[in-house]
């Protein structure tokens, strides 16, 4: 898969633009009536086809849930030492449960 993804942040809404050099692939998805209606209304609201909306939504979710930007990773790594110490304390039984 050869995607060039561009992540932008406009008005606190992450959007994705994906351009594939490969030919598009077809998948089949089964949806119950309620889910279909939700996706249909969401697609109409963005003036997209349902398949285009599903592609956009799936990519957007995957990128936002799976990828951490450099700033966020830096913040996570600042807590690494404390997290490791906490895990050692738990393993050694050095903790109290406060109710």
N, C-alpha and C. Protein backbone atom coordinates (compact mmCIF):
# COMPACT_ATOMS: atom_id res chain seq x y z
N UNK A 1 0.86 -1.17 0.00
CA UNK A 1 0.00 0.00 0.00
C UNK A 1 0.90 1.23 0.00
N UNK A 2 0.69 2.11 -0.93
CA UNK A 2 1.53 3.29 -1.08
C UNK A 2 0.68 4.53 -0.86
N UNK A 3 0.45 4.88 0.40
CA UNK A 3 -0.37 6.03 0.72
C UNK A 3 0.51 7.18 1.16
N UNK A 4 0.16 8.34 0.69
CA UNK A 4 0.77 9.56 1.19
C UNK A 4 -0.29 10.20 2.07
N UNK A 5 -0.07 10.23 3.36
CA UNK A 5 -1.08 10.78 4.27
C UNK A 5 -0.65 12.15 4.75
N UNK A 6 -1.58 13.03 4.73
CA UNK A 6 -1.36 14.38 5.19
C UNK A 6 -2.32 14.63 6.33
N UNK A 7 -1.78 14.86 7.51
CA UNK A 7 -2.60 15.11 8.68
C UNK A 7 -2.60 16.61 8.93
N UNK A 8 -3.76 17.20 8.99
CA UNK A 8 -3.85 18.61 9.29
C UNK A 8 -4.78 18.81 10.46
N UNK A 9 -4.63 19.91 11.13
CA UNK A 9 -5.49 20.19 12.26
C UNK A 9 -6.17 21.53 12.00
N UNK A 10 -7.46 21.48 11.67
CA UNK A 10 -8.23 22.68 11.41
C UNK A 10 -9.36 22.75 12.41
N UNK A 11 -9.41 23.80 13.18
CA UNK A 11 -10.47 23.99 14.17
C UNK A 11 -10.57 22.78 15.09
N UNK A 12 -9.44 22.24 15.52
CA UNK A 12 -9.38 21.10 16.42
C UNK A 12 -10.01 19.84 15.84
N UNK A 13 -10.12 19.73 14.54
CA UNK A 13 -10.65 18.53 13.89
C UNK A 13 -9.55 17.98 13.00
N UNK A 14 -9.12 16.75 13.27
CA UNK A 14 -8.09 16.13 12.45
C UNK A 14 -8.72 15.61 11.17
N UNK A 15 -8.09 15.91 10.05
CA UNK A 15 -8.58 15.40 8.77
C UNK A 15 -7.44 14.69 8.07
N UNK A 16 -7.79 13.77 7.21
CA UNK A 16 -6.79 12.99 6.49
C UNK A 16 -7.03 13.13 5.00
N UNK A 17 -5.96 13.26 4.27
CA UNK A 17 -6.04 13.20 2.83
C UNK A 17 -5.14 12.04 2.42
N UNK A 18 -5.70 11.02 1.80
CA UNK A 18 -4.91 9.86 1.40
C UNK A 18 -4.97 9.71 -0.11
N UNK A 19 -3.82 9.61 -0.70
CA UNK A 19 -3.76 9.41 -2.14
C UNK A 19 -2.99 8.12 -2.38
N UNK A 20 -3.62 7.13 -2.95
CA UNK A 20 -2.96 5.86 -3.22
C UNK A 20 -2.50 5.78 -4.66
N UNK A 21 -1.30 5.28 -4.87
CA UNK A 21 -0.80 5.10 -6.23
C UNK A 21 -1.31 3.78 -6.78
N UNK A 22 -1.67 2.85 -5.89
CA UNK A 22 -2.17 1.54 -6.32
C UNK A 22 -3.64 1.65 -6.70
N UNK A 23 -4.11 0.63 -7.41
CA UNK A 23 -5.53 0.58 -7.76
C UNK A 23 -6.34 0.35 -6.49
N UNK A 24 -7.54 0.88 -6.47
CA UNK A 24 -8.42 0.73 -5.32
C UNK A 24 -8.82 -0.72 -5.15
N UNK A 25 -8.97 -1.15 -3.92
CA UNK A 25 -9.41 -2.50 -3.59
C UNK A 25 -10.88 -2.43 -3.16
N UNK A 26 -11.60 -3.50 -3.37
CA UNK A 26 -13.00 -3.56 -3.00
C UNK A 26 -13.17 -4.50 -1.83
N UNK A 27 -13.93 -4.07 -0.83
CA UNK A 27 -14.26 -4.94 0.30
C UNK A 27 -15.78 -4.94 0.45
N UNK A 28 -16.29 -5.98 1.08
CA UNK A 28 -17.72 -6.07 1.34
C UNK A 28 -17.94 -5.92 2.84
N UNK A 29 -18.90 -5.11 3.21
CA UNK A 29 -19.21 -4.87 4.63
C UNK A 29 -20.69 -5.12 4.84
N UNK A 30 -21.03 -5.89 5.86
CA UNK A 30 -22.44 -6.10 6.22
C UNK A 30 -22.77 -5.19 7.39
N UNK A 31 -23.86 -4.46 7.25
CA UNK A 31 -24.30 -3.54 8.30
C UNK A 31 -25.76 -3.79 8.60
N UNK A 32 -26.12 -3.66 9.87
CA UNK A 32 -27.55 -3.71 10.18
C UNK A 32 -28.18 -2.39 9.74
N UNK A 33 -29.49 -2.35 9.69
CA UNK A 33 -30.21 -1.19 9.16
C UNK A 33 -29.87 0.10 9.92
N UNK A 34 -29.77 0.01 11.23
CA UNK A 34 -29.48 1.19 12.05
C UNK A 34 -28.09 1.75 11.73
N UNK A 35 -27.10 0.87 11.67
CA UNK A 35 -25.74 1.31 11.35
C UNK A 35 -25.68 1.92 9.95
N UNK A 36 -26.35 1.28 9.01
CA UNK A 36 -26.38 1.79 7.65
C UNK A 36 -26.97 3.20 7.61
N UNK A 37 -28.07 3.41 8.32
CA UNK A 37 -28.71 4.73 8.34
C UNK A 37 -27.79 5.78 8.95
N UNK A 38 -27.07 5.40 9.99
CA UNK A 38 -26.12 6.34 10.62
C UNK A 38 -25.04 6.74 9.63
N UNK A 39 -24.43 5.74 8.97
CA UNK A 39 -23.38 6.04 7.99
C UNK A 39 -23.92 6.83 6.80
N UNK A 40 -25.11 6.50 6.38
CA UNK A 40 -25.71 7.20 5.24
C UNK A 40 -25.92 8.68 5.57
N UNK A 41 -26.48 8.96 6.75
CA UNK A 41 -26.70 10.36 7.16
C UNK A 41 -25.38 11.10 7.33
N UNK A 42 -24.39 10.43 7.91
CA UNK A 42 -23.08 11.07 8.09
C UNK A 42 -22.45 11.39 6.73
N UNK A 43 -22.56 10.46 5.79
CA UNK A 43 -22.00 10.67 4.45
C UNK A 43 -22.72 11.82 3.75
N UNK A 44 -24.04 11.83 3.84
CA UNK A 44 -24.81 12.92 3.21
C UNK A 44 -24.43 14.26 3.82
N UNK A 45 -24.21 14.27 5.13
CA UNK A 45 -23.85 15.51 5.82
C UNK A 45 -22.52 16.08 5.34
N UNK A 46 -21.65 15.21 4.85
CA UNK A 46 -20.35 15.67 4.34
C UNK A 46 -20.29 15.65 2.82
N UNK A 47 -21.45 15.43 2.20
CA UNK A 47 -21.55 15.39 0.73
C UNK A 47 -20.58 14.37 0.14
N UNK A 48 -20.58 13.16 0.74
CA UNK A 48 -19.75 12.05 0.30
C UNK A 48 -20.63 10.86 -0.04
N UNK A 49 -20.08 9.94 -0.81
CA UNK A 49 -20.75 8.66 -0.98
C UNK A 49 -20.54 7.87 0.31
N UNK A 50 -21.35 6.84 0.52
CA UNK A 50 -21.18 6.04 1.73
C UNK A 50 -19.82 5.36 1.73
N UNK A 51 -19.41 4.80 0.60
CA UNK A 51 -18.11 4.12 0.57
C UNK A 51 -16.96 5.10 0.82
N UNK A 52 -17.06 6.32 0.26
CA UNK A 52 -16.04 7.32 0.51
C UNK A 52 -16.02 7.73 1.98
N UNK A 53 -17.21 7.88 2.56
CA UNK A 53 -17.27 8.25 3.98
C UNK A 53 -16.67 7.15 4.85
N UNK A 54 -16.98 5.88 4.55
CA UNK A 54 -16.43 4.77 5.34
C UNK A 54 -14.91 4.72 5.23
N UNK A 55 -14.39 4.96 4.02
CA UNK A 55 -12.93 4.99 3.85
C UNK A 55 -12.33 6.13 4.68
N UNK A 56 -12.91 7.31 4.57
CA UNK A 56 -12.44 8.47 5.33
C UNK A 56 -12.49 8.21 6.83
N UNK A 57 -13.64 7.70 7.30
CA UNK A 57 -13.83 7.47 8.74
C UNK A 57 -12.86 6.41 9.27
N UNK A 58 -12.67 5.34 8.51
CA UNK A 58 -11.76 4.27 8.93
C UNK A 58 -10.32 4.77 8.99
N UNK A 59 -9.90 5.52 7.96
CA UNK A 59 -8.54 6.07 7.97
C UNK A 59 -8.36 7.08 9.10
N UNK A 60 -9.33 7.94 9.28
CA UNK A 60 -9.26 8.95 10.33
C UNK A 60 -9.14 8.29 11.70
N UNK A 61 -9.99 7.31 11.97
CA UNK A 61 -9.95 6.60 13.25
C UNK A 61 -8.61 5.90 13.44
N UNK A 62 -8.15 5.19 12.42
CA UNK A 62 -6.90 4.43 12.53
C UNK A 62 -5.72 5.34 12.80
N UNK A 63 -5.62 6.42 12.07
CA UNK A 63 -4.50 7.34 12.26
C UNK A 63 -4.56 8.02 13.62
N UNK A 64 -5.73 8.46 14.04
CA UNK A 64 -5.84 9.16 15.31
C UNK A 64 -5.70 8.24 16.51
N UNK A 65 -6.02 6.96 16.37
CA UNK A 65 -5.93 6.03 17.48
C UNK A 65 -4.61 5.27 17.50
N UNK A 66 -3.90 5.21 16.40
CA UNK A 66 -2.71 4.37 16.29
C UNK A 66 -1.40 5.14 16.23
N UNK A 67 -1.45 6.37 15.85
CA UNK A 67 -0.23 7.13 15.63
C UNK A 67 -0.12 8.24 16.66
N UNK A 68 1.06 8.35 17.23
CA UNK A 68 1.33 9.37 18.23
C UNK A 68 2.29 10.37 17.60
N UNK A 69 1.98 11.66 17.69
CA UNK A 69 2.90 12.64 17.13
C UNK A 69 4.11 12.81 18.04
N UNK A 70 5.13 13.48 17.55
CA UNK A 70 6.39 13.61 18.28
C UNK A 70 6.20 14.26 19.65
N UNK A 71 5.37 15.27 19.72
CA UNK A 71 5.15 15.98 20.98
C UNK A 71 4.50 15.05 22.01
N UNK A 72 3.50 14.29 21.58
CA UNK A 72 2.82 13.37 22.49
C UNK A 72 3.76 12.26 22.95
N UNK A 73 4.60 11.74 22.04
CA UNK A 73 5.55 10.70 22.40
C UNK A 73 6.57 11.21 23.40
N UNK A 74 7.00 12.45 23.23
CA UNK A 74 7.95 13.05 24.16
C UNK A 74 7.33 13.10 25.56
N UNK A 75 6.06 13.49 25.63
CA UNK A 75 5.36 13.54 26.92
C UNK A 75 5.23 12.15 27.54
N UNK A 76 4.91 11.16 26.73
CA UNK A 76 4.78 9.79 27.23
C UNK A 76 6.11 9.30 27.79
N UNK A 77 7.19 9.57 27.07
CA UNK A 77 8.50 9.09 27.49
C UNK A 77 8.98 9.77 28.77
N UNK A 78 8.50 10.97 29.08
CA UNK A 78 8.90 11.61 30.33
C UNK A 78 8.36 10.84 31.54
N UNK A 79 7.31 10.06 31.34
CA UNK A 79 6.74 9.28 32.44
C UNK A 79 7.25 7.84 32.47
N UNK A 80 8.08 7.46 31.52
CA UNK A 80 8.54 6.07 31.42
C UNK A 80 9.23 5.59 32.70
N UNK A 81 10.14 6.40 33.22
CA UNK A 81 10.88 6.02 34.42
C UNK A 81 9.93 5.82 35.60
N UNK A 82 8.98 6.74 35.78
CA UNK A 82 8.02 6.63 36.87
C UNK A 82 7.12 5.40 36.71
N UNK A 83 6.71 5.12 35.48
CA UNK A 83 5.86 3.95 35.23
C UNK A 83 6.60 2.65 35.54
N UNK A 84 7.86 2.56 35.14
CA UNK A 84 8.66 1.37 35.42
C UNK A 84 8.85 1.19 36.92
N UNK A 85 9.12 2.28 37.63
CA UNK A 85 9.27 2.21 39.09
C UNK A 85 7.97 1.76 39.73
N UNK A 86 6.84 2.29 39.25
CA UNK A 86 5.54 1.89 39.78
C UNK A 86 5.26 0.41 39.57
N UNK A 87 5.60 -0.10 38.41
CA UNK A 87 5.41 -1.54 38.14
C UNK A 87 6.27 -2.39 39.05
N UNK A 88 7.51 -1.96 39.31
CA UNK A 88 8.38 -2.70 40.23
C UNK A 88 7.81 -2.68 41.64
N UNK A 89 7.29 -1.52 42.06
CA UNK A 89 6.67 -1.42 43.39
C UNK A 89 5.48 -2.36 43.52
N UNK A 90 4.66 -2.42 42.49
CA UNK A 90 3.50 -3.32 42.52
C UNK A 90 3.95 -4.77 42.59
N UNK A 91 4.95 -5.13 41.77
CA UNK A 91 5.46 -6.50 41.78
C UNK A 91 6.03 -6.88 43.14
N UNK A 92 6.64 -5.91 43.81
CA UNK A 92 7.24 -6.17 45.13
C UNK A 92 6.22 -6.06 46.25
N UNK A 93 4.97 -5.73 45.93
CA UNK A 93 3.93 -5.63 46.95
C UNK A 93 3.96 -4.33 47.74
N UNK A 94 4.67 -3.34 47.24
CA UNK A 94 4.76 -2.05 47.93
C UNK A 94 3.67 -1.10 47.44
N UNK A 95 2.45 -1.37 47.87
CA UNK A 95 1.34 -0.50 47.52
C UNK A 95 0.22 -0.69 48.52
N UNK A 96 -0.67 0.30 48.59
CA UNK A 96 -1.86 0.27 49.44
C UNK A 96 -3.07 0.55 48.60
N UNK A 97 -4.13 -0.18 48.85
CA UNK A 97 -5.39 0.10 48.18
C UNK A 97 -6.18 1.04 49.07
N UNK A 98 -6.53 2.18 48.54
CA UNK A 98 -7.28 3.18 49.31
C UNK A 98 -8.69 3.21 48.79
N UNK A 99 -9.62 2.97 49.69
CA UNK A 99 -11.04 2.92 49.28
C UNK A 99 -11.75 4.20 49.62
